[in-house]
Amino acid sequence: MKKVTLALMLAGAASLVMADGAALYKKCAGCHGAKGEKKALGKSAVIGGMDVATLVNDLKEYKAGKRNVHGMGMMMKSQVQSLSDADIQAVAEYIHGLK
């Protein structure tokens, strides 16, 4: 019984640590739309439903200051600077699910 209780406690702790893509996306929705349906500031691609790997790559490049599409590099860098790799993965998966 102790093993089952410990396993459930660990599973609960892991879920608290996991990044919440929906919560993270709230910061993005102002420009990209609730469902990723908008071209941010009339410039970006529509991101809702995009491929996860592409989103992860793009966000990591923005974070590193290596991406500047439509002059949005500095703005996007400031938006993603605080995101961990797990956060980036979670928000990318969430955006991919938007349609």
PDB file of N, CA and C in Angstrom:
ATOM      1  N   MET A   1       0.815  -1.195   0.000  1.00  0.00           N
ATOM      2  CA  MET A   1       0.000   0.000   0.000  1.00  0.00           C
ATOM      3  C   MET A   1       0.860   1.261   0.000  1.00  0.00           C
ATOM      4  N   LYS A   2       1.999   1.203   0.704  1.00  0.00           N
ATOM      5  CA  LYS A   2       2.882   2.363   0.754  1.00  0.00           C
ATOM      6  C   LYS A   2       3.435   2.692  -0.626  1.00  0.00           C
ATOM      7  N   LYS A   3       3.731   1.650  -1.419  1.00  0.00           N
ATOM      8  CA  LYS A   3       4.274   1.874  -2.759  1.00  0.00           C
ATOM      9  C   LYS A   3       3.250   2.564  -3.656  1.00  0.00           C
ATOM     10  N   VAL A   4       1.996   2.170  -3.540  1.00  0.00           N
ATOM     11  CA  VAL A   4       0.938   2.778  -4.342  1.00  0.00           C
ATOM     12  C   VAL A   4       0.759   4.242  -3.944  1.00  0.00           C
ATOM     13  N   THR A   5       0.757   4.508  -2.659  1.00  0.00           N
ATOM     14  CA  THR A   5       0.603   5.887  -2.174  1.00  0.00           C
ATOM     15  C   THR A   5       1.760   6.754  -2.645  1.00  0.00           C
ATOM     16  N   LEU A   6       2.981   6.242  -2.543  1.00  0.00           N
ATOM     17  CA  LEU A   6       4.150   6.983  -2.986  1.00  0.00           C
ATOM     18  C   LEU A   6       4.089   7.252  -4.482  1.00  0.00           C
ATOM     19  N   ALA A   7       3.672   6.263  -5.256  1.00  0.00           N
ATOM     20  CA  ALA A   7       3.563   6.433  -6.709  1.00  0.00           C
ATOM     21  C   ALA A   7       2.541   7.509  -7.050  1.00  0.00           C
ATOM     22  N   LEU A   8       1.415   7.516  -6.370  1.00  0.00           N
ATOM     23  CA  LEU A   8       0.396   8.533  -6.616  1.00  0.00           C
ATOM     24  C   LEU A   8       0.888   9.917  -6.218  1.00  0.00           C
ATOM     25  N   MET A   9       1.632  10.010  -5.126  1.00  0.00           N
ATOM     26  CA  MET A   9       2.177  11.299  -4.704  1.00  0.00           C
ATOM     27  C   MET A   9       3.182  11.819  -5.724  1.00  0.00           C
ATOM     28  N   LEU A  10       4.032  10.935  -6.226  1.00  0.00           N
ATOM     29  CA  LEU A  10       5.022  11.341  -7.216  1.00  0.00           C
ATOM     30  C   LEU A  10       4.353  11.765  -8.518  1.00  0.00           C
ATOM     31  N   ALA A  11       3.319  11.045  -8.922  1.00  0.00           N
ATOM     32  CA  ALA A  11       2.600  11.413 -10.141  1.00  0.00           C
ATOM     33  C   ALA A  11       1.949  12.780  -9.980  1.00  0.00           C
ATOM     34  N   GLY A  12       1.399  13.044  -8.827  1.00  0.00           N
ATOM     35  CA  GLY A  12       0.790  14.348  -8.565  1.00  0.00           C
ATOM     36  C   GLY A  12       1.814  15.462  -8.564  1.00  0.00           C
ATOM     37  N   ALA A  13       2.974  15.210  -7.988  1.00  0.00           N
ATOM     38  CA  ALA A  13       4.041  16.208  -7.970  1.00  0.00           C
ATOM     39  C   ALA A  13       4.544  16.481  -9.374  1.00  0.00           C
ATOM     40  N   ALA A  14       4.669  15.439 -10.182  1.00  0.00           N
ATOM     41  CA  ALA A  14       5.140  15.614 -11.561  1.00  0.00           C
ATOM     42  C   ALA A  14       4.159  16.458 -12.359  1.00  0.00           C
ATOM     43  N   SER A  15       2.870  16.281 -12.132  1.00  0.00           N
ATOM     44  CA  SER A  15       1.892  17.066 -12.884  1.00  0.00           C
ATOM     45  C   SER A  15       1.939  18.542 -12.483  1.00  0.00           C
ATOM     46  N   LEU A  16       2.338  18.821 -11.256  1.00  0.00           N
ATOM     47  CA  LEU A  16       2.467  20.216 -10.824  1.00  0.00           C
ATOM     48  C   LEU A  16       3.661  20.901 -11.483  1.00  0.00           C
ATOM     49  N   VAL A  17       4.681  20.115 -11.792  1.00  0.00           N
ATOM     50  CA  VAL A  17       5.903  20.655 -12.372  1.00  0.00           C
ATOM     51  C   VAL A  17       5.770  20.823 -13.886  1.00  0.00           C
ATOM     52  N   MET A  18       4.933  20.004 -14.501  1.00  0.00           N
ATOM     53  CA  MET A  18       4.780  20.051 -15.957  1.00  0.00           C
ATOM     54  C   MET A  18       4.237  21.406 -16.405  1.00  0.00           C
ATOM     55  N   ALA A  19       4.755  21.874 -17.510  1.00  0.00           N
ATOM     56  CA  ALA A  19       4.330  23.163 -18.049  1.00  0.00           C
ATOM     57  C   ALA A  19       2.903  23.075 -18.580  1.00  0.00           C
ATOM     58  N   ASP A  20       2.160  24.151 -18.427  1.00  0.00           N
ATOM     59  CA  ASP A  20       0.777  24.230 -18.877  1.00  0.00           C
ATOM     60  C   ASP A  20       0.719  25.108 -20.129  1.00  0.00           C
ATOM     61  N   GLY A  21       0.654  24.463 -21.294  1.00  0.00           N
ATOM     62  CA  GLY A  21       0.661  25.186 -22.560  1.00  0.00           C
ATOM     63  C   GLY A  21      -0.464  26.192 -22.690  1.00  0.00           C
ATOM     64  N   ALA A  22      -1.653  25.846 -22.209  1.00  0.00           N
ATOM     65  CA  ALA A  22      -2.795  26.762 -22.304  1.00  0.00           C
ATOM     66  C   ALA A  22      -2.550  28.016 -21.475  1.00  0.00           C
ATOM     67  N   ALA A  23      -2.027  27.844 -20.268  1.00  0.00           N
ATOM     68  CA  ALA A  23      -1.747  29.003 -19.407  1.00  0.00           C
ATOM     69  C   ALA A  23      -0.639  29.860 -20.021  1.00  0.00           C
ATOM     70  N   LEU A  24       0.384  29.220 -20.551  1.00  0.00           N
ATOM     71  CA  LEU A  24       1.483  29.951 -21.175  1.00  0.00           C
ATOM     72  C   LEU A  24       1.013  30.717 -22.410  1.00  0.00           C
ATOM     73  N   TYR A  25       0.088  30.138 -23.150  1.00  0.00           N
ATOM     74  CA  TYR A  25      -0.383  30.769 -24.389  1.00  0.00           C
ATOM     75  C   TYR A  25      -1.165  32.055 -24.139  1.00  0.00           C
ATOM     76  N   LYS A  26      -1.723  32.227 -22.970  1.00  0.00           N
ATOM     77  CA  LYS A  26      -2.511  33.440 -22.680  1.00  0.00           C
ATOM     78  C   LYS A  26      -1.705  34.696 -22.978  1.00  0.00           C
ATOM     79  N   LYS A  27      -0.406  34.643 -22.751  1.00  0.00           N
ATOM     80  CA  LYS A  27       0.488  35.776 -23.023  1.00  0.00           C
ATOM     81  C   LYS A  27       0.587  36.042 -24.531  1.00  0.00           C
ATOM     82  N   CYS A  28       0.380  35.037 -25.342  1.00  0.00           N
ATOM     83  CA  CYS A  28       0.511  35.130 -26.800  1.00  0.00           C
ATOM     84  C   CYS A  28      -0.788  35.583 -27.473  1.00  0.00           C
ATOM     85  N   ALA A  29      -1.908  35.270 -26.832  1.00  0.00           N
ATOM     86  CA  ALA A  29      -3.223  35.457 -27.447  1.00  0.00           C
ATOM     87  C   ALA A  29      -3.538  36.900 -27.806  1.00  0.00           C
ATOM     88  N   GLY A  30      -2.970  37.845 -27.084  1.00  0.00           N
ATOM     89  CA  GLY A  30      -3.235  39.252 -27.381  1.00  0.00           C
ATOM     90  C   GLY A  30      -2.867  39.623 -28.805  1.00  0.00           C
ATOM     91  N   CYS A  31      -1.801  39.067 -29.306  1.00  0.00           N
ATOM     92  CA  CYS A  31      -1.361  39.359 -30.681  1.00  0.00           C
ATOM     93  C   CYS A  31      -1.776  38.279 -31.676  1.00  0.00           C
ATOM     94  N   HIS A  32      -1.702  37.014 -31.251  1.00  0.00           N
ATOM     95  CA  HIS A  32      -1.951  35.895 -32.171  1.00  0.00           C
ATOM     96  C   HIS A  32      -3.396  35.420 -32.189  1.00  0.00           C
ATOM     97  N   GLY A  33      -4.226  35.910 -31.260  1.00  0.00           N
ATOM     98  CA  GLY A  33      -5.624  35.495 -31.197  1.00  0.00           C
ATOM     99  C   GLY A  33      -5.811  34.286 -30.298  1.00  0.00           C
ATOM    100  N   ALA A  34      -7.015  34.129 -29.795  1.00  0.00           N
ATOM    101  CA  ALA A  34      -7.329  33.048 -28.862  1.00  0.00           C
ATOM    102  C   ALA A  34      -7.065  31.671 -29.447  1.00  0.00           C
ATOM    103  N   LYS A  35      -7.213  31.540 -30.746  1.00  0.00           N
ATOM    104  CA  LYS A  35      -6.998  30.250 -31.412  1.00  0.00           C
ATOM    105  C   LYS A  35      -5.820  30.304 -32.374  1.00  0.00           C
ATOM    106  N   GLY A  36      -4.951  31.282 -32.200  1.00  0.00           N
ATOM    107  CA  GLY A  36      -3.793  31.413 -33.087  1.00  0.00           C
ATOM    108  C   GLY A  36      -4.184  31.762 -34.501  1.00  0.00           C
ATOM    109  N   GLU A  37      -5.363  32.403 -34.643  1.00  0.00           N
ATOM    110  CA  GLU A  37      -5.933  32.668 -35.963  1.00  0.00           C
ATOM    111  C   GLU A  37      -5.513  34.004 -36.568  1.00  0.00           C
ATOM    112  N   LYS A  38      -4.831  34.833 -35.806  1.00  0.00           N
ATOM    113  CA  LYS A  38      -4.478  36.170 -36.295  1.00  0.00           C
ATOM    114  C   LYS A  38      -3.019  36.247 -36.739  1.00  0.00           C
ATOM    115  N   LYS A  39      -2.769  37.117 -37.698  1.00  0.00           N
ATOM    116  CA  LYS A  39      -1.400  37.472 -38.046  1.00  0.00           C
ATOM    117  C   LYS A  39      -1.000  38.550 -37.042  1.00  0.00           C
ATOM    118  N   ALA A  40      -0.074  38.246 -36.154  1.00  0.00           N
ATOM    119  CA  ALA A  40       0.310  39.181 -35.102  1.00  0.00           C
ATOM    120  C   ALA A  40       0.779  40.493 -35.710  1.00  0.00           C
ATOM    121  N   LEU A  41       0.151  41.579 -35.268  1.00  0.00           N
ATOM    122  CA  LEU A  41       0.440  42.926 -35.764  1.00  0.00           C
ATOM    123  C   LEU A  41       0.373  42.993 -37.291  1.00  0.00           C
ATOM    124  N   GLY A  42      -0.427  42.103 -37.876  1.00  0.00           N
ATOM    125  CA  GLY A  42      -0.599  42.069 -39.321  1.00  0.00           C
ATOM    126  C   GLY A  42       0.616  41.555 -40.073  1.00  0.00           C
ATOM    127  N   LYS A  43       1.588  40.984 -39.352  1.00  0.00           N
ATOM    128  CA  LYS A  43       2.850  40.603 -39.975  1.00  0.00           C
ATOM    129  C   LYS A  43       3.144  39.114 -39.953  1.00  0.00           C
ATOM    130  N   SER A  44       2.847  38.442 -38.867  1.00  0.00           N
ATOM    131  CA  SER A  44       3.282  37.053 -38.706  1.00  0.00           C
ATOM    132  C   SER A  44       2.411  36.083 -39.488  1.00  0.00           C
ATOM    133  N   ALA A  45       2.849  34.849 -39.512  1.00  0.00           N
ATOM    134  CA  ALA A  45       2.023  33.773 -40.049  1.00  0.00           C
ATOM    135  C   ALA A  45       0.925  33.466 -39.022  1.00  0.00           C
ATOM    136  N   VAL A  46      -0.153  32.869 -39.465  1.00  0.00           N
ATOM    137  CA  VAL A  46      -1.172  32.351 -38.560  1.00  0.00           C
ATOM    138  C   VAL A  46      -0.557  31.111 -37.929  1.00  0.00           C
ATOM    139  N   ILE A  47      -0.483  31.074 -36.591  1.00  0.00           N
ATOM    140  CA  ILE A  47       0.254  29.995 -35.931  1.00  0.00           C
ATOM    141  C   ILE A  47      -0.616  28.825 -35.481  1.00  0.00           C
ATOM    142  N   GLY A  48      -1.920  29.015 -35.353  1.00  0.00           N
ATOM    143  CA  GLY A  48      -2.797  27.938 -34.902  1.00  0.00           C
ATOM    144  C   GLY A  48      -2.678  26.717 -35.799  1.00  0.00           C
ATOM    145  N   GLY A  49      -2.385  25.567 -35.196  1.00  0.00           N
ATOM    146  CA  GLY A  49      -2.277  24.318 -35.939  1.00  0.00           C
ATOM    147  C   GLY A  49      -0.904  24.058 -36.538  1.00  0.00           C
ATOM    148  N   MET A  50       0.039  24.975 -36.359  1.00  0.00           N
ATOM    149  CA  MET A  50       1.378  24.768 -36.927  1.00  0.00           C
ATOM    150  C   MET A  50       2.032  23.524 -36.345  1.00  0.00           C
ATOM    151  N   ASP A  51       2.993  22.985 -37.068  1.00  0.00           N
ATOM    152  CA  ASP A  51       3.761  21.817 -36.669  1.00  0.00           C
ATOM    153  C   ASP A  51       4.532  22.098 -35.371  1.00  0.00           C
ATOM    154  N   VAL A  52       4.508  21.157 -34.439  1.00  0.00           N
ATOM    155  CA  VAL A  52       5.156  21.326 -33.146  1.00  0.00           C
ATOM    156  C   VAL A  52       6.657  21.580 -33.304  1.00  0.00           C
ATOM    157  N   ALA A  53       7.320  20.779 -34.125  1.00  0.00           N
ATOM    158  CA  ALA A  53       8.771  20.918 -34.289  1.00  0.00           C
ATOM    159  C   ALA A  53       9.132  22.297 -34.844  1.00  0.00           C
ATOM    160  N   THR A  54       8.350  22.802 -35.776  1.00  0.00           N
ATOM    161  CA  THR A  54       8.594  24.124 -36.342  1.00  0.00           C
ATOM    162  C   THR A  54       8.419  25.194 -35.272  1.00  0.00           C
ATOM    163  N   LEU A  55       7.354  25.093 -34.504  1.00  0.00           N
ATOM    164  CA  LEU A  55       7.103  26.058 -33.432  1.00  0.00           C
ATOM    165  C   LEU A  55       8.227  26.050 -32.393  1.00  0.00           C
ATOM    166  N   VAL A  56       8.636  24.861 -31.979  1.00  0.00           N
ATOM    167  CA  VAL A  56       9.715  24.752 -30.995  1.00  0.00           C
ATOM    168  C   VAL A  56      10.979  25.396 -31.540  1.00  0.00           C
ATOM    169  N   ASN A  57      11.334  25.060 -32.774  1.00  0.00           N
ATOM    170  CA  ASN A  57      12.534  25.620 -33.390  1.00  0.00           C
ATOM    171  C   ASN A  57      12.446  27.143 -33.471  1.00  0.00           C
ATOM    172  N   ASP A  58      11.322  27.649 -33.962  1.00  0.00           N
ATOM    173  CA  ASP A  58      11.163  29.098 -34.118  1.00  0.00           C
ATOM    174  C   ASP A  58      11.246  29.815 -32.772  1.00  0.00           C
ATOM    175  N   LEU A  59      10.568  29.283 -31.756  1.00  0.00           N
ATOM    176  CA  LEU A  59      10.576  29.921 -30.440  1.00  0.00           C
ATOM    177  C   LEU A  59      11.973  29.911 -29.821  1.00  0.00           C
ATOM    178  N   LYS A  60      12.684  28.805 -29.991  1.00  0.00           N
ATOM    179  CA  LYS A  60      14.054  28.743 -29.465  1.00  0.00           C
ATOM    180  C   LYS A  60      14.970  29.714 -30.203  1.00  0.00           C
ATOM    181  N   GLU A  61      14.762  29.869 -31.506  1.00  0.00           N
ATOM    182  CA  GLU A  61      15.567  30.831 -32.267  1.00  0.00           C
ATOM    183  C   GLU A  61      15.248  32.271 -31.847  1.00  0.00           C
ATOM    184  N   TYR A  62      13.977  32.567 -31.615  1.00  0.00           N
ATOM    185  CA  TYR A  62      13.620  33.898 -31.110  1.00  0.00           C
ATOM    186  C   TYR A  62      14.290  34.134 -29.750  1.00  0.00           C
ATOM    187  N   LYS A  63      14.212  33.135 -28.879  1.00  0.00           N
ATOM    188  CA  LYS A  63      14.789  33.255 -27.540  1.00  0.00           C
ATOM    189  C   LYS A  63      16.294  33.517 -27.603  1.00  0.00           C
ATOM    190  N   ALA A  64      16.970  32.864 -28.538  1.00  0.00           N
ATOM    191  CA  ALA A  64      18.425  33.018 -28.691  1.00  0.00           C
ATOM    192  C   ALA A  64      18.798  34.291 -29.450  1.00  0.00           C
ATOM    193  N   GLY A  65      17.806  34.999 -29.973  1.00  0.00           N
ATOM    194  CA  GLY A  65      18.076  36.209 -30.738  1.00  0.00           C
ATOM    195  C   GLY A  65      18.556  35.931 -32.153  1.00  0.00           C
ATOM    196  N   LYS A  66      18.272  34.730 -32.647  1.00  0.00           N
ATOM    197  CA  LYS A  66      18.728  34.328 -33.981  1.00  0.00           C
ATOM    198  C   LYS A  66      17.647  34.439 -35.050  1.00  0.00           C
ATOM    199  N   ARG A  67      16.461  34.844 -34.670  1.00  0.00           N
ATOM    200  CA  ARG A  67      15.338  34.915 -35.616  1.00  0.00           C
ATOM    201  C   ARG A  67      14.753  36.319 -35.590  1.00  0.00           C
ATOM    202  N   ASN A  68      14.490  36.865 -36.784  1.00  0.00           N
ATOM    203  CA  ASN A  68      13.933  38.210 -36.882  1.00  0.00           C
ATOM    204  C   ASN A  68      13.044  38.303 -38.119  1.00  0.00           C
ATOM    205  N   VAL A  69      11.957  37.578 -38.100  1.00  0.00           N
ATOM    206  CA  VAL A  69      11.029  37.566 -39.222  1.00  0.00           C
ATOM    207  C   VAL A  69      10.135  38.798 -39.140  1.00  0.00           C
ATOM    208  N   HIS A  70      10.043  39.548 -40.227  1.00  0.00           N
ATOM    209  CA  HIS A  70       9.218  40.758 -40.312  1.00  0.00           C
ATOM    210  C   HIS A  70       9.578  41.790 -39.246  1.00  0.00           C
ATOM    211  N   GLY A  71      10.843  41.792 -38.813  1.00  0.00           N
ATOM    212  CA  GLY A  71      11.280  42.754 -37.806  1.00  0.00           C
ATOM    213  C   GLY A  71      10.739  42.495 -36.410  1.00  0.00           C
ATOM    214  N   MET A  72      10.254  41.293 -36.168  1.00  0.00           N
ATOM    215  CA  MET A  72       9.621  40.970 -34.879  1.00  0.00           C
ATOM    216  C   MET A  72      10.575  40.275 -33.903  1.00  0.00           C
ATOM    217  N   GLY A  73      11.846  40.158 -34.261  1.00  0.00           N
ATOM    218  CA  GLY A  73      12.801  39.416 -33.452  1.00  0.00           C
ATOM    219  C   GLY A  73      12.926  39.892 -32.020  1.00  0.00           C
ATOM    220  N   MET A  74      13.114  41.188 -31.825  1.00  0.00           N
ATOM    221  CA  MET A  74      13.300  41.709 -30.463  1.00  0.00           C
ATOM    222  C   MET A  74      12.023  41.581 -29.628  1.00  0.00           C
ATOM    223  N   MET A  75      10.876  41.834 -30.248  1.00  0.00           N
ATOM    224  CA  MET A  75       9.616  41.713 -29.518  1.00  0.00           C
ATOM    225  C   MET A  75       9.394  40.261 -29.090  1.00  0.00           C
ATOM    226  N   MET A  76       9.598  39.343 -30.035  1.00  0.00           N
ATOM    227  CA  MET A  76       9.392  37.932 -29.712  1.00  0.00           C
ATOM    228  C   MET A  76      10.427  37.435 -28.704  1.00  0.00           C
ATOM    229  N   LYS A  77      11.656  37.917 -28.828  1.00  0.00           N
ATOM    230  CA  LYS A  77      12.676  37.511 -27.852  1.00  0.00           C
ATOM    231  C   LYS A  77      12.240  37.896 -26.448  1.00  0.00           C
ATOM    232  N   SER A  78      11.714  39.090 -26.283  1.00  0.00           N
ATOM    233  CA  SER A  78      11.275  39.519 -24.952  1.00  0.00           C
ATOM    234  C   SER A  78      10.088  38.688 -24.470  1.00  0.00           C
ATOM    235  N   GLN A  79       9.268  38.217 -25.390  1.00  0.00           N
ATOM    236  CA  GLN A  79       8.098  37.422 -25.012  1.00  0.00           C
ATOM    237  C   GLN A  79       8.476  36.007 -24.571  1.00  0.00           C
ATOM    238  N   VAL A  80       9.522  35.437 -25.167  1.00  0.00           N
ATOM    239  CA  VAL A  80       9.865  34.033 -24.881  1.00  0.00           C
ATOM    240  C   VAL A  80      11.079  33.887 -23.977  1.00  0.00           C
ATOM    241  N   GLN A  81      11.724  34.977 -23.633  1.00  0.00           N
ATOM    242  CA  GLN A  81      12.967  34.932 -22.860  1.00  0.00           C
ATOM    243  C   GLN A  81      12.843  34.127 -21.571  1.00  0.00           C
ATOM    244  N   SER A  82      11.733  34.224 -20.880  1.00  0.00           N
ATOM    245  CA  SER A  82      11.570  33.554 -19.583  1.00  0.00           C
ATOM    246  C   SER A  82      11.116  32.101 -19.708  1.00  0.00           C
ATOM    247  N   LEU A  83      10.838  31.636 -20.928  1.00  0.00           N
ATOM    248  CA  LEU A  83      10.334  30.273 -21.101  1.00  0.00           C
ATOM    249  C   LEU A  83      11.465  29.251 -21.052  1.00  0.00           C
ATOM    250  N   SER A  84      11.242  28.174 -20.324  1.00  0.00           N
ATOM    251  CA  SER A  84      12.174  27.049 -20.310  1.00  0.00           C
ATOM    252  C   SER A  84      11.924  26.196 -21.557  1.00  0.00           C
ATOM    253  N   ASP A  85      12.792  25.236 -21.798  1.00  0.00           N
ATOM    254  CA  ASP A  85      12.576  24.317 -22.921  1.00  0.00           C
ATOM    255  C   ASP A  85      11.261  23.561 -22.749  1.00  0.00           C
ATOM    256  N   ALA A  86      10.943  23.174 -21.512  1.00  0.00           N
ATOM    257  CA  ALA A  86       9.677  22.473 -21.244  1.00  0.00           C
ATOM    258  C   ALA A  86       8.486  23.392 -21.518  1.00  0.00           C
ATOM    259  N   ASP A  87       8.606  24.655 -21.163  1.00  0.00           N
ATOM    260  CA  ASP A  87       7.545  25.628 -21.444  1.00  0.00           C
ATOM    261  C   ASP A  87       7.349  25.775 -22.949  1.00  0.00           C
ATOM    262  N   ILE A  88       8.450  25.889 -23.680  1.00  0.00           N
ATOM    263  CA  ILE A  88       8.379  26.041 -25.136  1.00  0.00           C
ATOM    264  C   ILE A  88       7.711  24.824 -25.757  1.00  0.00           C
ATOM    265  N   GLN A  89       8.075  23.648 -25.306  1.00  0.00           N
ATOM    266  CA  GLN A  89       7.459  22.418 -25.822  1.00  0.00           C
ATOM    267  C   GLN A  89       5.964  22.415 -25.532  1.00  0.00           C
ATOM    268  N   ALA A  90       5.593  22.767 -24.310  1.00  0.00           N
ATOM    269  CA  ALA A  90       4.178  22.750 -23.911  1.00  0.00           C
ATOM    270  C   ALA A  90       3.358  23.749 -24.711  1.00  0.00           C
ATOM    271  N   VAL A  91       3.871  24.955 -24.877  1.00  0.00           N
ATOM    272  CA  VAL A  91       3.101  25.962 -25.620  1.00  0.00           C
ATOM    273  C   VAL A  91       3.050  25.597 -27.095  1.00  0.00           C
ATOM    274  N   ALA A  92       4.103  24.998 -27.628  1.00  0.00           N
ATOM    275  CA  ALA A  92       4.093  24.562 -29.025  1.00  0.00           C
ATOM    276  C   ALA A  92       3.043  23.470 -29.246  1.00  0.00           C
ATOM    277  N   GLU A  93       2.956  22.543 -28.330  1.00  0.00           N
ATOM    278  CA  GLU A  93       1.946  21.476 -28.434  1.00  0.00           C
ATOM    279  C   GLU A  93       0.531  22.062 -28.332  1.00  0.00           C
ATOM    280  N   TYR A  94       0.363  23.041 -27.462  1.00  0.00           N
ATOM    281  CA  TYR A  94      -0.935  23.684 -27.322  1.00  0.00           C
ATOM    282  C   TYR A  94      -1.313  24.418 -28.608  1.00  0.00           C
ATOM    283  N   ILE A  95      -0.383  25.182 -29.157  1.00  0.00           N
ATOM    284  CA  ILE A  95      -0.638  25.931 -30.401  1.00  0.00           C
ATOM    285  C   ILE A  95      -0.952  24.973 -31.535  1.00  0.00           C
ATOM    286  N   HIS A  96      -0.241  23.869 -31.601  1.00  0.00           N
ATOM    287  CA  HIS A  96      -0.497  22.871 -32.650  1.00  0.00           C
ATOM    288  C   HIS A  96      -1.943  22.377 -32.581  1.00  0.00           C
ATOM    289  N   GLY A  97      -2.473  22.260 -31.383  1.00  0.00           N
ATOM    290  CA  GLY A  97      -3.851  21.778 -31.216  1.00  0.00           C
ATOM    291  C   GLY A  97      -4.924  22.818 -31.526  1.00  0.00           C
ATOM    292  N   LEU A  98      -4.524  24.068 -31.708  1.00  0.00           N
ATOM    293  CA  LEU A  98      -5.493  25.124 -32.036  1.00  0.00           C
ATOM    294  C   LEU A  98      -5.861  25.041 -33.501  1.00  0.00           C
ATOM    295  N   LYS A  99      -7.112  25.111 -33.803  1.00  0.00           N
ATOM    296  CA  LYS A  99      -7.543  25.045 -35.205  1.00  0.00           C
ATOM    297  C   LYS A  99      -8.669  26.024 -35.414  1.00  0.00           C
TER     298      LYS A  99
END
